[in-house]
Amino acid sequence: MQKEISILWVDDEIDLLKPHIIFLESKGCKVDTINNGTDAISMVSHNQYDMVFLDENMPGLNGLETLAQIKKIRNSLPIIMITKSEEEFIMDEAIGSQIADYLIKPVNPMQILMTIKKITDQRRLVSEKTTMNYQSQFNELGVEINNASTADDWKTIHKKLAFWTLELQKNGVSSMEQILQMQKSEADKRFVRYIITNYESWFANRSSEAPILSPNAFKHKVFPALTNGEHVVVVVIDNLRFDQWKCIEPMIAPYYNIDDEDIMFSILPTATQFARNAMFAGLMPSEIEKLHPDLWVNEDEDGAKNNFERELLQKQLDRMGVKASLFYDKIHNAEKSQKLANDLNEIMHNQLSVLIINFVDMLSHARTESQMIRELAADEKSYRSITKSWFEHSSLFELMRALASKNVKIVLTTDHGTIRVTNPIKVIGERNVTSNLRYKQGRNLDYNPREVYEIRNPQTIHLPRINVSTSYIFATNTDFFAYPNNYNYYVQYYRNTFQHGGISMDEIMVPLITLSPKR
């Protein structure tokens, strides 16, 4: 041990432990001793210890009572409980009070030394182990990225990259995070080529190799359960990336089994107007415009673009011959969020319920417009952290916990993800060109075709064509579109903001999760 370890040892027979104390001091530890819980609490209040060894069976304040008082003073202080008893309730009490470890008497010096080493070196050892594991997977993952040729290949890669992102972050392996980011950037470039090569073919012949796309989400994941008479709640968290789902998954896991952790491919543009309307309608945007013109609002028209989701879903139910009563609610402000728990009765009275949760979307927009929010969510790591904190304290999580006691299946998904943009690309268009930073729709667009994915005939990918010369262009990787006018200000304002609408793994490959309550 290189750093002196400061230990408080609390035992009413501390004099009998003198050989242990001498042994620890010979190993570079500084050990204070006390023989009762009351004085131990005072010692912890006035000294900084690295850990406490605490006897469970003492006169006066016993070990568990002393443990509770110490945790009130220094909740993060590691405490090792030492007990003669192996009774289950004592162990449950101690573990429930968040002890770092426990030992059964009689203990020997090497046991104690190994416990100290485990606690003091745990983070370093875990970091080293995580680093070694990622290094061993690096080349294998690189080969998978180079050879990926199907949607399933890319889904597997996306899941692995999300796993390693969170593992390296959790275990503080900053030295590897930069290498992983380089590998992810390379994966994104190859994924963009995969999309550009295959996207149009998915619609030209309704290819069987196409992944689950936005219009097919209900068909594949919701309607079969409804047909079987199951009760289903669809939770759509706008803008939720797959890595953000993995952050909230541990909170959900105690209440729900994850029956299916699938990935859906959001259609282009990866924007709410297109992807979410397509999901509810079970149709591509141009098909919605043709079949339900009263329920589609083009981008050059006034009015909200997603005001008819319930109506579109009802028409999809009718078209597919699915008989199910429908409840729909959209949570887009704090007042609505506070009332979300009141939806429980409505949910239980309808076979299909759909909840739209706009928090993550609002966070991404607020981050662009507010310097304070931008500093709080400076990068992907902090963006995930805020999402996790929001979910933990949200009315949605409260409702999901309540639903866990019911016989209700939950399908949790989103319409599209986001990506932090860094590289500006100049584009020139008419005044009525789409304002989105990751895609443009309009006439007479001027751009470098080598820098974008261009669609001159929108009908090939089932997008509306406002006039005969309408075309679409999509930004890729971390690019974003900027106008030459006031270029420097525009770039500075939008660089490092989270945007959507274009082509990247985080925008297109989004969670499509099926959950069932744990009995």
Protein backbone atom coordinates (compact mmCIF):
# COMPACT_ATOMS: atom_id res chain seq x y z
CA MET A 1 0.00 0.00 0.00
CA GLN A 2 1.65 3.24 -1.10
CA LYS A 3 -0.66 5.71 0.66
CA GLU A 4 -1.10 5.49 4.44
CA ILE A 5 -4.57 4.09 5.12
CA SER A 6 -6.38 5.63 8.08
CA ILE A 7 -8.60 3.11 9.90
CA LEU A 8 -10.93 3.29 12.90
CA TRP A 9 -11.44 -0.11 14.56
CA VAL A 10 -14.42 -0.35 16.92
CA ASP A 11 -14.71 -3.42 19.16
CA ASP A 12 -15.55 -3.87 22.85
CA GLU A 13 -12.71 -6.42 23.04
CA ILE A 14 -10.23 -4.23 21.19
CA ASP A 15 -7.37 -5.16 23.59
CA LEU A 16 -7.51 -8.73 22.30
CA LEU A 17 -6.94 -7.47 18.76
CA LYS A 18 -3.53 -5.91 19.49
CA PRO A 19 -1.64 -8.40 17.24
CA HIS A 20 -3.92 -7.47 14.35
CA ILE A 21 -3.31 -3.78 14.92
CA ILE A 22 0.47 -4.24 14.99
CA PHE A 23 0.29 -6.27 11.76
CA LEU A 24 -1.70 -3.55 9.97
CA GLU A 25 0.64 -0.82 11.19
CA SER A 26 3.59 -2.81 9.81
CA LYS A 27 1.80 -2.69 6.43
CA GLY A 28 1.58 1.11 6.45
CA CYS A 29 -1.84 1.60 8.05
CA LYS A 30 -2.66 4.11 10.76
CA VAL A 31 -5.14 2.47 13.14
CA ASP A 32 -7.19 4.25 15.82
CA THR A 33 -9.05 2.00 18.25
CA ILE A 34 -12.16 2.50 20.36
CA ASN A 35 -14.26 0.07 22.39
CA ASN A 36 -17.80 1.43 22.07
CA GLY A 37 -20.20 2.84 19.50
CA THR A 38 -20.79 6.23 21.14
CA ASP A 39 -17.10 7.17 21.10
CA ALA A 40 -16.79 5.77 17.56
CA ILE A 41 -19.43 8.23 16.36
CA SER A 42 -17.51 11.09 17.97
CA MET A 43 -14.23 9.90 16.40
CA VAL A 44 -15.78 9.81 12.93
CA SER A 45 -17.19 13.32 13.48
CA HIS A 46 -13.76 14.76 14.24
CA ASN A 47 -11.43 12.72 12.03
CA GLN A 48 -11.09 11.69 8.39
CA TYR A 49 -10.90 7.92 8.09
CA ASP A 50 -10.55 5.83 4.96
CA MET A 51 -12.64 3.04 6.50
CA VAL A 52 -14.11 1.67 9.73
CA PHE A 53 -13.98 -1.88 11.11
CA LEU A 54 -17.08 -2.24 13.27
CA ASP A 55 -17.98 -5.05 15.67
CA GLU A 56 -21.64 -6.03 15.37
CA ASN A 57 -22.13 -7.27 18.97
CA MET A 58 -21.22 -4.55 21.49
CA PRO A 59 -22.86 -3.41 24.75
CA GLY A 60 -24.61 -0.05 24.62
CA LEU A 61 -24.94 0.98 20.99
CA ASN A 62 -24.58 -2.21 19.00
CA GLY A 63 -22.89 -2.40 15.61
CA LEU A 64 -25.99 -1.83 13.50
CA GLU A 65 -27.07 1.20 15.57
CA THR A 66 -23.55 2.64 15.38
CA LEU A 67 -23.48 1.98 11.64
CA ALA A 68 -26.69 3.97 11.15
CA GLN A 69 -25.31 6.95 13.08
CA ILE A 70 -21.98 6.93 11.23
CA LYS A 71 -23.78 6.85 7.87
CA LYS A 72 -25.67 10.01 8.87
CA ILE A 73 -22.33 11.76 9.41
CA ARG A 74 -20.39 10.35 6.44
CA ASN A 75 -22.58 8.32 4.16
CA SER A 76 -19.75 7.43 1.75
CA LEU A 77 -17.37 6.13 4.43
CA PRO A 78 -16.67 2.40 3.82
CA ILE A 79 -17.64 0.30 6.86
CA ILE A 80 -16.65 -3.34 7.31
CA MET A 81 -18.93 -5.19 9.73
CA ILE A 82 -17.33 -7.89 11.89
CA THR A 83 -19.71 -10.36 13.53
CA LYS A 84 -19.78 -13.67 15.34
CA SER A 85 -23.27 -14.33 14.08
CA GLU A 86 -24.21 -15.62 10.65
CA GLU A 87 -27.92 -15.04 11.23
CA GLU A 88 -29.60 -13.94 8.02
CA PHE A 89 -31.49 -10.97 9.45
CA ILE A 90 -28.27 -9.41 10.76
CA MET A 91 -26.63 -9.74 7.38
CA ASP A 92 -29.72 -8.30 5.69
CA GLU A 93 -29.70 -5.33 8.06
CA ALA A 94 -26.01 -4.69 7.52
CA ILE A 95 -26.10 -5.06 3.74
CA GLY A 96 -29.25 -2.93 3.56
CA SER A 97 -27.32 -0.21 5.40
CA GLN A 98 -24.73 -0.26 2.62
CA ILE A 99 -21.74 -1.81 4.32
CA ALA A 100 -18.63 -2.15 2.18
CA ASP A 101 -17.94 -5.72 3.35
CA TYR A 102 -18.39 -8.06 6.32
CA LEU A 103 -16.18 -10.61 8.07
CA ILE A 104 -17.08 -13.51 10.38
CA LYS A 105 -15.10 -13.92 13.62
CA PRO A 106 -12.53 -15.12 14.23
CA VAL A 107 -10.70 -13.11 11.58
CA ASN A 108 -7.05 -13.46 10.68
CA PRO A 109 -4.70 -10.61 9.68
CA MET A 110 -4.53 -11.60 6.01
CA GLN A 111 -8.33 -11.52 5.74
CA ILE A 112 -8.30 -7.99 7.07
CA LEU A 113 -5.46 -6.93 4.80
CA MET A 114 -7.24 -8.30 1.71
CA THR A 115 -10.43 -6.49 2.68
CA ILE A 116 -8.52 -3.21 2.98
CA LYS A 117 -6.83 -3.79 -0.33
CA LYS A 118 -10.13 -4.64 -2.02
CA ILE A 119 -11.73 -1.40 -0.84
CA THR A 120 -8.78 0.92 -1.47
CA ASP A 121 -7.81 -0.61 -4.80
CA GLN A 122 -11.24 -1.54 -6.09
CA ARG A 123 -11.66 1.42 -8.42
CA ARG A 124 -8.12 1.10 -9.79
CA LEU A 125 -8.47 -2.66 -10.27
CA VAL A 126 -11.87 -2.32 -11.93
CA SER A 127 -10.50 0.41 -14.22
CA GLU A 128 -7.54 -1.75 -15.17
CA LYS A 129 -9.79 -4.74 -15.79
CA THR A 130 -12.18 -2.64 -17.91
CA THR A 131 -9.25 -1.24 -19.90
CA MET A 132 -7.89 -4.72 -20.54
CA ASN A 133 -11.32 -6.01 -21.58
CA TYR A 134 -11.89 -3.16 -24.03
CA GLN A 135 -8.38 -3.49 -25.44
CA SER A 136 -9.01 -7.19 -26.05
CA GLN A 137 -12.30 -6.33 -27.79
CA PHE A 138 -10.92 -3.37 -29.78
CA ASN A 139 -9.58 -5.33 -32.74
CA GLU A 140 -12.57 -7.68 -32.82
CA LEU A 141 -14.96 -4.74 -32.83
CA GLY A 142 -12.90 -3.06 -35.55
CA VAL A 143 -13.25 -6.15 -37.74
CA GLU A 144 -17.02 -6.18 -37.16
CA ILE A 145 -17.24 -2.53 -38.19
CA ASN A 146 -15.24 -3.13 -41.36
CA ASN A 147 -17.29 -6.19 -42.33
CA ALA A 148 -20.78 -4.96 -41.37
CA SER A 149 -23.18 -5.47 -44.27
CA THR A 150 -26.65 -5.92 -42.77
CA ALA A 151 -28.95 -4.02 -40.44
CA ASP A 152 -28.47 -6.75 -37.81
CA ASP A 153 -24.69 -6.29 -38.03
CA TRP A 154 -25.09 -2.58 -37.34
CA LYS A 155 -27.52 -3.14 -34.49
CA THR A 156 -24.99 -5.43 -32.81
CA ILE A 157 -22.19 -2.87 -33.28
CA HIS A 158 -24.37 -0.04 -31.97
CA LYS A 159 -25.18 -2.02 -28.81
CA LYS A 160 -21.52 -2.90 -28.23
CA LEU A 161 -20.38 0.71 -28.67
CA ALA A 162 -23.05 1.87 -26.22
CA PHE A 163 -21.96 -0.82 -23.74
CA TRP A 164 -18.30 0.20 -23.86
CA THR A 165 -19.16 3.90 -23.71
CA LEU A 166 -20.97 3.37 -20.42
CA GLU A 167 -18.46 0.86 -19.04
CA LEU A 168 -15.47 3.15 -19.59
CA GLN A 169 -17.39 6.11 -18.18
CA LYS A 170 -18.63 4.20 -15.12
CA ASN A 171 -15.18 2.92 -14.23
CA GLY A 172 -13.31 6.16 -14.90
CA VAL A 173 -11.18 4.90 -17.77
CA SER A 174 -10.68 8.28 -19.45
CA SER A 175 -7.55 7.09 -21.27
CA MET A 176 -9.66 4.65 -23.30
CA GLU A 177 -12.64 6.94 -23.88
CA GLN A 178 -10.80 8.91 -26.56
CA ILE A 179 -9.84 5.70 -28.38
CA LEU A 180 -13.44 4.49 -28.22
CA GLN A 181 -14.65 7.82 -29.61
CA MET A 182 -12.28 7.42 -32.57
CA GLN A 183 -13.64 3.91 -33.15
CA LYS A 184 -17.20 5.20 -32.94
CA SER A 185 -16.43 7.96 -35.45
CA GLU A 186 -15.07 5.38 -37.87
CA ALA A 187 -18.18 3.24 -37.32
CA ASP A 188 -20.40 6.25 -38.03
CA LYS A 189 -18.65 6.90 -41.36
CA ARG A 190 -19.16 3.31 -42.46
CA PHE A 191 -22.74 3.33 -41.21
CA VAL A 192 -23.45 6.42 -43.32
CA ARG A 193 -22.13 4.57 -46.39
CA TYR A 194 -24.34 1.60 -45.49
CA ILE A 195 -27.44 3.83 -45.29
CA ILE A 196 -26.66 5.69 -48.52
CA THR A 197 -26.10 2.37 -50.32
CA ASN A 198 -29.21 0.59 -49.03
CA TYR A 199 -31.85 3.10 -47.91
CA GLU A 200 -33.67 3.59 -51.22
CA SER A 201 -33.74 -0.15 -51.94
CA TRP A 202 -35.71 -0.75 -48.74
CA PHE A 203 -38.64 1.05 -50.37
CA ALA A 204 -38.10 0.18 -54.03
CA ASN A 205 -38.96 -3.48 -53.54
CA ARG A 206 -40.02 -3.58 -49.87
CA SER A 207 -36.82 -5.50 -49.23
CA SER A 208 -36.94 -8.33 -46.73
CA GLU A 209 -33.49 -7.21 -45.60
CA ALA A 210 -34.89 -3.90 -44.33
CA PRO A 211 -34.83 -3.46 -40.53
CA ILE A 212 -37.86 -2.45 -38.52
CA LEU A 213 -38.51 1.11 -39.69
CA SER A 214 -40.64 3.78 -38.03
CA PRO A 215 -43.89 2.83 -39.86
CA ASN A 216 -43.56 -0.82 -38.78
CA ALA A 217 -43.02 -0.35 -35.03
CA PHE A 218 -46.65 -0.92 -34.00
CA LYS A 219 -47.11 -3.71 -36.53
CA HIS A 220 -44.18 -5.72 -35.17
CA LYS A 221 -44.16 -4.90 -31.44
CA VAL A 222 -47.65 -3.76 -30.40
CA PHE A 223 -50.40 -5.26 -32.56
CA PRO A 224 -49.45 -8.95 -31.96
CA ALA A 225 -49.82 -8.40 -28.20
CA LEU A 226 -53.16 -6.63 -28.65
CA THR A 227 -54.40 -9.47 -30.86
CA ASN A 228 -53.49 -11.89 -28.07
CA GLY A 229 -55.65 -9.88 -25.68
CA GLU A 230 -52.75 -8.30 -23.80
CA HIS A 231 -52.86 -4.85 -22.25
CA VAL A 232 -50.16 -2.59 -23.79
CA VAL A 233 -48.75 0.82 -22.88
CA VAL A 234 -46.51 2.46 -25.49
CA VAL A 235 -44.12 5.03 -24.03
CA VAL A 236 -42.53 7.29 -26.66
CA ILE A 237 -39.71 9.40 -25.15
CA ASP A 238 -38.97 11.94 -27.86
CA ASN A 239 -35.26 12.18 -28.82
CA LEU A 240 -34.12 9.20 -26.73
CA ARG A 241 -30.81 7.74 -27.87
CA PHE A 242 -29.88 4.11 -27.28
CA ASP A 243 -27.12 5.06 -24.80
CA GLN A 244 -29.68 7.09 -22.83
CA TRP A 245 -31.95 4.05 -22.69
CA LYS A 246 -29.05 2.02 -21.27
CA CYS A 247 -28.65 4.65 -18.53
CA ILE A 248 -32.24 4.33 -17.35
CA GLU A 249 -32.45 0.56 -17.84
CA PRO A 250 -30.98 -0.28 -14.38
CA MET A 251 -33.75 1.73 -12.70
CA ILE A 252 -36.42 -0.16 -14.64
CA ALA A 253 -34.86 -3.61 -14.20
CA PRO A 254 -36.10 -4.24 -10.60
CA TYR A 255 -39.69 -3.83 -11.78
CA TYR A 256 -39.72 -5.23 -15.33
CA ASN A 257 -38.30 -8.09 -17.35
CA ILE A 258 -36.74 -6.94 -20.59
CA ASP A 259 -38.45 -9.33 -22.98
CA ASP A 260 -36.92 -7.81 -26.11
CA GLU A 261 -34.22 -5.17 -26.50
CA ASP A 262 -34.54 -4.36 -30.17
CA ILE A 263 -33.39 -1.43 -32.29
CA MET A 264 -35.61 0.42 -34.74
CA PHE A 265 -34.28 2.43 -37.67
CA SER A 266 -35.80 5.90 -37.78
CA ILE A 267 -36.77 7.00 -41.29
CA LEU A 268 -35.23 10.02 -42.98
CA PRO A 269 -35.44 12.80 -42.09
CA THR A 270 -34.83 11.70 -38.50
CA ALA A 271 -37.19 14.41 -37.30
CA THR A 272 -40.43 14.32 -35.32
CA GLN A 273 -42.69 15.51 -38.13
CA PHE A 274 -41.64 12.60 -40.33
CA ALA A 275 -40.55 9.74 -38.07
CA ARG A 276 -43.22 10.01 -35.39
CA ASN A 277 -46.12 10.61 -37.78
CA ALA A 278 -44.92 7.60 -39.77
CA MET A 279 -44.79 5.48 -36.63
CA PHE A 280 -48.36 6.32 -35.60
CA ALA A 281 -49.79 6.09 -39.10
CA GLY A 282 -47.97 2.91 -40.08
CA LEU A 283 -47.26 4.73 -43.35
CA MET A 284 -44.45 6.70 -44.92
CA PRO A 285 -44.93 10.49 -45.03
CA SER A 286 -45.94 10.68 -48.70
CA GLU A 287 -48.48 7.91 -48.09
CA ILE A 288 -49.95 9.87 -45.16
CA GLU A 289 -50.19 12.97 -47.35
CA LYS A 290 -51.97 10.97 -50.05
CA LEU A 291 -54.34 8.90 -47.88
CA HIS A 292 -55.00 11.39 -45.09
CA PRO A 293 -54.33 14.89 -46.47
CA ASP A 294 -56.34 16.44 -43.64
CA LEU A 295 -53.91 14.89 -41.11
CA TRP A 296 -50.63 15.95 -42.75
CA VAL A 297 -49.13 19.45 -42.59
CA ASN A 298 -46.27 20.16 -45.01
CA GLU A 299 -43.26 22.12 -43.84
CA ASP A 300 -44.18 25.19 -45.88
CA GLU A 301 -47.63 25.31 -44.27
CA ASP A 302 -48.64 26.94 -41.01
CA GLY A 303 -49.63 24.85 -38.02
CA ALA A 304 -48.14 22.21 -35.73
CA LYS A 305 -46.82 19.17 -37.56
CA ASN A 306 -47.74 16.49 -34.99
CA ASN A 307 -51.23 17.38 -33.86
CA PHE A 308 -52.93 14.32 -35.34
CA GLU A 309 -50.99 11.41 -33.86
CA ARG A 310 -53.99 9.91 -32.10
CA GLU A 311 -56.10 10.13 -35.26
CA LEU A 312 -53.33 8.55 -37.35
CA LEU A 313 -52.93 5.69 -34.88
CA GLN A 314 -56.68 5.05 -34.83
CA LYS A 315 -56.68 4.85 -38.62
CA GLN A 316 -53.79 2.39 -38.51
CA LEU A 317 -55.69 0.25 -36.01
CA ASP A 318 -58.75 0.29 -38.26
CA ARG A 319 -56.72 -0.45 -41.38
CA MET A 320 -54.98 -3.41 -39.71
CA GLY A 321 -58.25 -4.74 -38.28
CA VAL A 322 -57.03 -4.43 -34.68
CA LYS A 323 -59.87 -3.92 -32.23
CA ALA A 324 -58.57 -2.13 -29.14
CA SER A 325 -59.78 0.83 -27.10
CA LEU A 326 -57.25 3.65 -27.26
CA PHE A 327 -55.99 6.19 -24.72
CA TYR A 328 -53.48 8.85 -25.81
CA ASP A 329 -51.71 11.59 -23.83
CA LYS A 330 -48.84 13.94 -24.66
CA ILE A 331 -46.67 15.26 -21.81
CA HIS A 332 -44.99 18.45 -22.97
CA ASN A 333 -44.74 20.65 -19.86
CA ALA A 334 -44.29 20.44 -16.09
CA GLU A 335 -47.99 20.83 -15.36
CA LYS A 336 -48.91 17.89 -17.59
CA SER A 337 -46.06 15.85 -16.12
CA GLN A 338 -47.36 16.30 -12.58
CA LYS A 339 -50.72 14.92 -13.68
CA LEU A 340 -49.25 11.90 -15.45
CA ALA A 341 -49.88 9.60 -12.48
CA ASN A 342 -53.58 10.43 -12.81
CA ASP A 343 -53.55 8.65 -16.17
CA LEU A 344 -53.39 5.28 -14.39
CA ASN A 345 -57.18 4.81 -14.35
CA GLU A 346 -57.50 5.72 -18.03
CA ILE A 347 -54.66 3.35 -18.88
CA MET A 348 -56.29 0.47 -17.04
CA HIS A 349 -59.63 1.11 -18.81
CA ASN A 350 -58.10 0.93 -22.32
CA GLN A 351 -56.34 -2.00 -23.94
CA LEU A 352 -53.86 0.29 -25.74
CA SER A 353 -52.41 3.44 -24.18
CA VAL A 354 -49.84 5.74 -25.76
CA LEU A 355 -47.84 8.30 -23.80
CA ILE A 356 -45.63 10.89 -25.54
CA ILE A 357 -42.93 12.26 -23.23
CA ASN A 358 -41.16 15.36 -24.51
CA PHE A 359 -38.58 15.99 -21.76
CA VAL A 360 -35.45 14.82 -23.62
CA ASP A 361 -36.51 16.76 -26.71
CA MET A 362 -37.09 19.88 -24.62
CA LEU A 363 -33.68 19.37 -23.00
CA SER A 364 -31.90 19.29 -26.37
CA HIS A 365 -33.67 22.48 -27.50
CA ALA A 366 -33.05 24.22 -24.18
CA ARG A 367 -29.39 23.27 -24.37
CA THR A 368 -29.12 25.05 -27.73
CA GLU A 369 -30.86 28.20 -26.49
CA SER A 370 -29.57 28.46 -22.92
CA GLN A 371 -25.91 28.89 -22.00
CA MET A 372 -26.57 27.53 -18.52
CA ILE A 373 -28.15 24.32 -19.85
CA ARG A 374 -25.35 24.02 -22.39
CA GLU A 375 -22.82 24.05 -19.57
CA LEU A 376 -24.81 21.51 -17.56
CA ALA A 377 -25.06 19.19 -20.59
CA ALA A 378 -21.67 19.99 -22.10
CA ASP A 379 -21.20 16.63 -23.83
CA GLU A 380 -22.73 13.19 -24.29
CA LYS A 381 -21.67 12.09 -20.81
CA SER A 382 -23.46 14.94 -19.04
CA TYR A 383 -26.41 14.69 -21.46
CA ARG A 384 -26.85 11.08 -20.35
CA SER A 385 -26.47 12.07 -16.71
CA ILE A 386 -29.23 14.68 -16.88
CA THR A 387 -31.51 12.23 -18.68
CA LYS A 388 -30.87 9.64 -15.98
CA SER A 389 -31.53 12.13 -13.18
CA TRP A 390 -34.73 13.33 -14.84
CA PHE A 391 -36.07 9.80 -15.27
CA GLU A 392 -35.25 8.80 -11.68
CA HIS A 393 -37.40 11.64 -10.32
CA SER A 394 -40.00 11.75 -13.09
CA SER A 395 -43.74 11.14 -12.99
CA LEU A 396 -43.15 8.66 -15.82
CA PHE A 397 -41.00 6.43 -13.59
CA GLU A 398 -43.58 6.76 -10.83
CA LEU A 399 -46.29 5.65 -13.24
CA MET A 400 -44.17 2.74 -14.52
CA ARG A 401 -43.62 1.53 -10.96
CA ALA A 402 -47.38 1.64 -10.40
CA LEU A 403 -47.99 -0.27 -13.63
CA ALA A 404 -45.49 -2.94 -12.57
CA SER A 405 -48.13 -4.34 -10.21
CA LYS A 406 -50.59 -4.68 -13.11
CA ASN A 407 -50.69 -7.18 -15.93
CA VAL A 408 -49.52 -4.60 -18.47
CA LYS A 409 -46.88 -4.88 -21.19
CA ILE A 410 -44.83 -1.75 -21.91
CA VAL A 411 -43.22 -0.93 -25.25
CA LEU A 412 -40.67 1.85 -24.71
CA THR A 413 -39.32 3.61 -27.77
CA THR A 414 -38.74 6.96 -29.46
CA ASP A 415 -39.06 8.62 -32.85
CA HIS A 416 -35.37 9.46 -33.44
CA GLY A 417 -32.14 10.18 -31.59
CA THR A 418 -29.71 13.09 -31.65
CA ILE A 419 -26.06 13.77 -32.35
CA ARG A 420 -23.69 16.49 -31.17
CA VAL A 421 -22.71 18.43 -34.30
CA THR A 422 -19.25 19.91 -34.77
CA ASN A 423 -18.53 20.44 -38.48
CA PRO A 424 -20.35 23.18 -40.46
CA ILE A 425 -21.21 22.74 -44.16
CA LYS A 426 -22.28 25.69 -46.30
CA VAL A 427 -25.63 25.51 -48.05
CA ILE A 428 -27.61 28.16 -49.91
CA GLY A 429 -31.37 28.04 -50.44
CA GLU A 430 -34.46 30.15 -50.90
CA ARG A 431 -36.19 31.83 -48.00
CA ASN A 432 -38.70 29.02 -47.45
CA VAL A 433 -36.06 26.27 -47.21
CA THR A 434 -36.36 24.05 -44.13
CA SER A 435 -34.62 25.53 -41.08
CA ASN A 436 -33.45 22.17 -39.67
CA LEU A 437 -29.65 21.95 -39.32
CA ARG A 438 -29.36 18.28 -40.31
CA TYR A 439 -31.59 18.19 -43.41
CA LYS A 440 -32.90 20.66 -45.96
CA GLN A 441 -35.99 20.45 -48.14
CA GLY A 442 -36.67 23.00 -50.85
CA ARG A 443 -36.00 24.26 -54.35
CA ASN A 444 -32.73 25.45 -55.87
CA LEU A 445 -30.52 24.25 -53.05
CA ASP A 446 -26.84 25.01 -53.60
CA TYR A 447 -24.38 22.68 -51.85
CA ASN A 448 -21.42 20.40 -52.40
CA PRO A 449 -23.00 17.02 -53.34
CA ARG A 450 -19.96 15.16 -52.02
CA GLU A 451 -20.68 16.41 -48.51
CA VAL A 452 -24.32 15.31 -48.25
CA TYR A 453 -26.77 12.53 -49.05
CA GLU A 454 -28.99 14.03 -51.72
CA ILE A 455 -32.42 12.88 -52.85
CA ARG A 456 -33.54 14.66 -56.00
CA ASN A 457 -36.69 12.57 -56.35
CA PRO A 458 -38.29 12.40 -52.85
CA GLN A 459 -40.84 9.85 -54.03
CA THR A 460 -38.12 7.17 -54.11
CA ILE A 461 -38.02 7.28 -50.30
CA HIS A 462 -41.71 8.15 -49.87
CA LEU A 463 -41.29 11.77 -48.83
CA PRO A 464 -43.72 14.55 -49.81
CA ARG A 465 -42.83 16.63 -52.84
CA ILE A 466 -44.18 20.13 -52.40
CA ASN A 467 -43.38 21.02 -56.02
CA VAL A 468 -41.65 19.41 -58.98
CA SER A 469 -38.23 20.82 -58.12
CA THR A 470 -38.26 19.92 -54.42
CA SER A 471 -35.23 17.94 -53.26
CA TYR A 472 -33.85 16.81 -49.90
CA ILE A 473 -30.31 16.81 -48.59
CA PHE A 474 -29.15 15.15 -45.39
CA ALA A 475 -26.11 15.93 -43.25
CA THR A 476 -24.00 12.97 -42.17
CA ASN A 477 -21.72 12.11 -39.24
CA THR A 478 -21.30 15.29 -37.11
CA ASP A 479 -21.91 17.83 -39.92
CA PHE A 480 -24.51 20.59 -39.79
CA PHE A 481 -25.74 23.03 -42.39
CA ALA A 482 -24.87 26.72 -42.12
CA TYR A 483 -25.80 29.66 -44.33
CA PRO A 484 -23.05 31.92 -45.72
CA ASN A 485 -24.81 35.00 -44.32
CA ASN A 486 -23.50 35.75 -40.82
CA TYR A 487 -21.64 32.44 -41.10
CA ASN A 488 -19.24 32.78 -38.16
CA TYR A 489 -21.96 33.73 -35.67
CA TYR A 490 -24.20 30.91 -36.89
CA VAL A 491 -21.43 28.32 -36.61
CA GLN A 492 -20.37 29.45 -33.15
CA TYR A 493 -23.97 29.38 -31.91
CA TYR A 494 -24.82 25.88 -33.16
CA ARG A 495 -21.51 24.03 -32.95
CA ASN A 496 -21.58 21.35 -30.19
CA THR A 497 -25.37 21.42 -29.93
CA PHE A 498 -27.43 18.24 -30.14
CA GLN A 499 -29.38 18.07 -33.41
CA HIS A 500 -31.38 15.53 -35.39
CA GLY A 501 -32.69 15.03 -38.91
CA GLY A 502 -29.63 13.56 -40.58
CA ILE A 503 -27.72 10.30 -40.79
CA SER A 504 -25.75 8.87 -37.89
CA MET A 505 -26.01 5.80 -35.70
CA ASP A 506 -27.33 7.79 -32.74
CA GLU A 507 -30.06 9.47 -34.81
CA ILE A 508 -31.24 6.45 -36.79
CA MET A 509 -30.75 3.41 -34.54
CA VAL A 510 -33.08 3.95 -31.59
CA PRO A 511 -34.38 1.73 -28.75
CA LEU A 512 -37.48 -0.41 -29.25
CA ILE A 513 -37.87 -2.17 -25.92
CA THR A 514 -40.56 -4.61 -24.76
CA LEU A 515 -41.05 -4.86 -20.98
CA SER A 516 -43.24 -7.12 -18.85
CA PRO A 517 -43.80 -6.74 -15.09
CA LYS A 518 -41.86 -8.99 -12.75
CA ARG A 519 -44.22 -11.15 -10.75
